[in-house]
């Protein structure tokens, strides 16, 4: 059975735990809990766990290198387990999608996201799937400050619904495939639930 690698992007440490840039970690933590897969195995560049969920054999990975070097952990795990690009799903925050929306996409550039930039550079491919967690753009101020600051109190109230929505999209991906999942979920507003 082919193994799927699901990577949650974020920065390690309590200081970053509830920041917008850690949306990928949040989704992976929720998936880990629901699937009963502990992400505690220490590798040279990340924490991982293996198990089964929705009929799929999964490796869950949280790079521990900080966002800008995430590719190192992804490349190590993918090469060790011989996981091809099409079986990798990267979960990450996205400034170009409004908060409350989650979109699935195959391939593309890095869009200025340093975690994606690192994965593309270190892994040498860009055709992996991306589960993009919308965080919106700041009304004013610096983008770096915005992504490294916690979600607002209003957003925190809805964050669980967004994270659960992202896991629901992964579930749909495994049961319905990419095209159907994109058509069913890419325009949903998880705040309206």
Protein backbone atom coordinates (compact mmCIF):
# COMPACT_ATOMS: atom_id res chain seq x y z
CA UNK A 1 0.00 0.00 0.00
CA UNK A 2 1.32 3.42 -0.98
CA UNK A 3 2.06 5.74 1.91
CA UNK A 4 0.93 9.36 1.96
CA UNK A 5 3.08 11.99 3.65
CA UNK A 6 1.09 14.80 5.26
CA UNK A 7 3.27 17.71 6.34
CA UNK A 8 2.02 20.48 8.64
CA UNK A 9 4.10 23.64 8.38
CA UNK A 10 4.84 25.86 11.35
CA UNK A 11 7.49 27.03 13.77
CA UNK A 12 8.41 24.99 16.85
CA UNK A 13 8.13 26.34 20.39
CA UNK A 14 5.43 27.78 22.65
CA UNK A 15 6.06 31.33 21.42
CA UNK A 16 4.66 30.43 17.98
CA UNK A 17 1.96 27.95 19.00
CA UNK A 18 -1.13 30.06 18.18
CA UNK A 19 0.35 32.21 15.43
CA UNK A 20 -1.15 32.35 11.95
CA UNK A 21 2.02 30.86 10.45
CA UNK A 22 1.36 27.71 12.54
CA UNK A 23 -1.98 26.88 10.93
CA UNK A 24 -0.36 23.80 9.34
CA UNK A 25 0.80 22.52 12.75
CA UNK A 26 -2.71 23.07 14.14
CA UNK A 27 -4.35 20.99 11.41
CA UNK A 28 -1.74 18.24 11.76
CA UNK A 29 -2.24 18.16 15.54
CA UNK A 30 -6.01 17.79 15.06
CA UNK A 31 -5.56 15.06 12.45
CA UNK A 32 -3.06 13.30 14.72
CA UNK A 33 -5.60 13.32 17.56
CA UNK A 34 -8.53 12.10 15.42
CA UNK A 35 -6.47 9.42 13.66
CA UNK A 36 -4.76 8.25 16.85
CA UNK A 37 -1.33 8.78 15.29
CA UNK A 38 1.20 10.23 17.75
CA UNK A 39 3.64 12.64 16.14
CA UNK A 40 6.52 12.13 18.56
CA UNK A 41 9.21 10.18 16.69
CA UNK A 42 12.28 12.38 16.48
CA UNK A 43 14.16 12.54 13.21
CA UNK A 44 17.06 14.82 12.43
CA UNK A 45 14.79 17.65 11.27
CA UNK A 46 11.28 16.89 12.48
CA UNK A 47 8.73 14.98 14.51
CA UNK A 48 6.76 12.25 12.77
CA UNK A 49 4.28 9.46 13.33
CA UNK A 50 2.94 6.59 11.23
CA UNK A 51 -0.43 4.92 11.17
CA UNK A 52 -3.65 4.33 9.28
CA UNK A 53 -6.61 6.66 8.77
CA UNK A 54 -9.46 6.51 6.25
CA UNK A 55 -7.96 3.38 4.71
CA UNK A 56 -4.68 5.13 4.00
CA UNK A 57 -1.24 4.48 5.41
CA UNK A 58 0.03 7.87 6.56
CA UNK A 59 3.17 9.49 7.79
CA UNK A 60 2.45 12.75 9.61
CA UNK A 61 5.35 15.21 9.79
CA UNK A 62 5.99 18.43 11.69
CA UNK A 63 9.33 19.94 10.62
CA UNK A 64 11.22 21.34 13.63
CA UNK A 65 13.68 23.48 11.66
CA UNK A 66 11.62 26.69 11.62
CA UNK A 67 9.60 27.60 8.56
CA UNK A 68 12.42 28.76 6.27
CA UNK A 69 14.13 25.33 6.40
CA UNK A 70 11.04 23.08 6.30
CA UNK A 71 12.17 21.46 3.07
CA UNK A 72 15.02 19.67 4.81
CA UNK A 73 12.63 17.53 6.89
CA UNK A 74 10.26 16.89 3.97
CA UNK A 75 13.09 15.82 1.66
CA UNK A 76 14.61 13.51 4.32
CA UNK A 77 11.35 11.69 5.08
CA UNK A 78 10.19 11.49 1.46
CA UNK A 79 13.52 10.10 0.27
CA UNK A 80 13.88 7.63 3.13
CA UNK A 81 10.38 6.21 2.58
CA UNK A 82 10.56 6.62 -1.23
CA UNK A 83 7.39 8.74 -1.31
CA UNK A 84 6.77 10.34 -4.71
CA UNK A 85 5.74 13.97 -5.03
CA UNK A 86 2.11 13.12 -5.85
CA UNK A 87 1.73 11.37 -2.47
CA UNK A 88 2.80 14.41 -0.44
CA UNK A 89 0.25 16.85 1.03
CA UNK A 90 1.57 20.06 2.60
CA UNK A 91 -0.76 21.92 4.97
CA UNK A 92 0.10 25.62 5.31
CA UNK A 93 -1.23 29.11 5.98
CA UNK A 94 -2.08 31.28 2.97
CA UNK A 95 -2.29 35.09 2.95
CA UNK A 96 -4.22 35.13 -0.34
CA UNK A 97 -7.20 33.23 1.06
CA UNK A 98 -9.55 34.88 3.55
CA UNK A 99 -9.85 33.47 7.06
CA UNK A 100 -12.54 30.79 7.21
CA UNK A 101 -11.70 29.29 3.82
CA UNK A 102 -9.54 26.26 3.11
CA UNK A 103 -8.51 25.29 -0.41
CA UNK A 104 -6.90 22.24 -1.92
CA UNK A 105 -4.51 22.72 -4.83
CA UNK A 106 -2.07 20.60 -6.81
CA UNK A 107 1.33 22.05 -7.64
CA UNK A 108 2.25 25.65 -8.29
CA UNK A 109 4.89 28.06 -7.07
CA UNK A 110 5.67 29.13 -3.53
CA UNK A 111 3.65 32.37 -3.63
CA UNK A 112 6.14 34.03 -1.29
CA UNK A 113 5.63 31.37 1.41
CA UNK A 114 9.08 30.53 2.79
CA UNK A 115 8.08 27.03 3.87
CA UNK A 116 6.92 26.14 0.36
CA UNK A 117 9.99 27.83 -1.11
CA UNK A 118 12.21 25.61 1.06
CA UNK A 119 10.31 22.42 0.15
CA UNK A 120 10.50 23.17 -3.59
CA UNK A 121 14.25 23.92 -3.30
CA UNK A 122 15.19 20.93 -1.11
CA UNK A 123 12.84 18.33 -2.56
CA UNK A 124 13.34 19.51 -6.12
CA UNK A 125 9.68 19.23 -7.12
CA UNK A 126 6.54 21.34 -6.86
CA UNK A 127 3.71 19.01 -7.89
CA UNK A 128 2.78 18.05 -4.33
CA UNK A 129 -0.71 18.81 -3.03
CA UNK A 130 -1.24 21.88 -0.87
CA UNK A 131 -4.00 22.28 1.68
CA UNK A 132 -4.09 26.04 2.06
CA UNK A 133 -5.51 27.46 5.30
CA UNK A 134 -6.73 31.02 4.74
CA UNK A 135 -5.39 33.64 7.14
CA UNK A 136 -6.13 36.74 5.03
CA UNK A 137 -3.83 39.74 4.69
CA UNK A 138 -3.22 42.45 7.28
CA UNK A 139 -5.23 45.64 6.77
CA UNK A 140 -2.04 47.56 7.45
CA UNK A 141 1.39 46.77 8.79
CA UNK A 142 4.08 44.27 8.01
CA UNK A 143 3.19 40.82 6.64
CA UNK A 144 5.97 39.13 8.66
CA UNK A 145 4.62 40.60 11.93
CA UNK A 146 1.11 39.55 10.91
CA UNK A 147 1.92 35.88 10.25
CA UNK A 148 4.08 35.60 13.38
CA UNK A 149 1.37 37.03 15.64
CA UNK A 150 -1.48 35.01 17.16
CA UNK A 151 -4.90 34.81 15.56
CA UNK A 152 -7.16 37.61 16.77
CA UNK A 153 -9.66 36.87 19.59
CA UNK A 154 -12.48 36.88 16.98
CA UNK A 155 -10.58 34.43 14.78
CA UNK A 156 -9.74 32.20 17.76
CA UNK A 157 -13.48 31.64 18.31
CA UNK A 158 -13.79 30.19 14.80
CA UNK A 159 -10.40 28.50 14.55
CA UNK A 160 -11.63 25.05 15.64
CA UNK A 161 -14.26 25.06 12.85
CA UNK A 162 -11.61 25.96 10.27
CA UNK A 163 -9.18 23.30 11.52
CA UNK A 164 -11.94 20.66 11.55
CA UNK A 165 -12.91 21.78 8.04
CA UNK A 166 -9.35 21.19 6.86
CA UNK A 167 -9.40 17.65 8.30
CA UNK A 168 -12.77 17.07 6.60
CA UNK A 169 -11.18 18.05 3.28
CA UNK A 170 -8.38 15.50 3.83
CA UNK A 171 -11.01 12.88 4.60
CA UNK A 172 -12.85 13.75 1.37
CA UNK A 173 -9.59 13.65 -0.60
CA UNK A 174 -9.01 10.04 0.44
CA UNK A 175 -12.58 8.93 -0.24
CA UNK A 176 -13.56 11.09 -3.24
CA UNK A 177 -10.28 11.97 -4.97
CA UNK A 178 -8.76 15.34 -5.81
CA UNK A 179 -11.13 16.77 -8.45
CA UNK A 180 -14.35 15.98 -6.60
CA UNK A 181 -12.94 17.23 -3.30
CA UNK A 182 -11.86 20.50 -4.88
CA UNK A 183 -15.31 21.04 -6.41
CA UNK A 184 -17.09 20.16 -3.17
CA UNK A 185 -14.95 22.14 -0.73
CA UNK A 186 -12.82 24.86 -2.34
CA UNK A 187 -15.56 27.52 -2.16
CA UNK A 188 -16.92 26.62 1.28
CA UNK A 189 -16.91 29.12 4.11
CA UNK A 190 -16.22 27.21 7.31
CA UNK A 191 -17.28 30.23 9.40
CA UNK A 192 -20.87 29.83 8.17
CA UNK A 193 -21.29 26.38 9.74
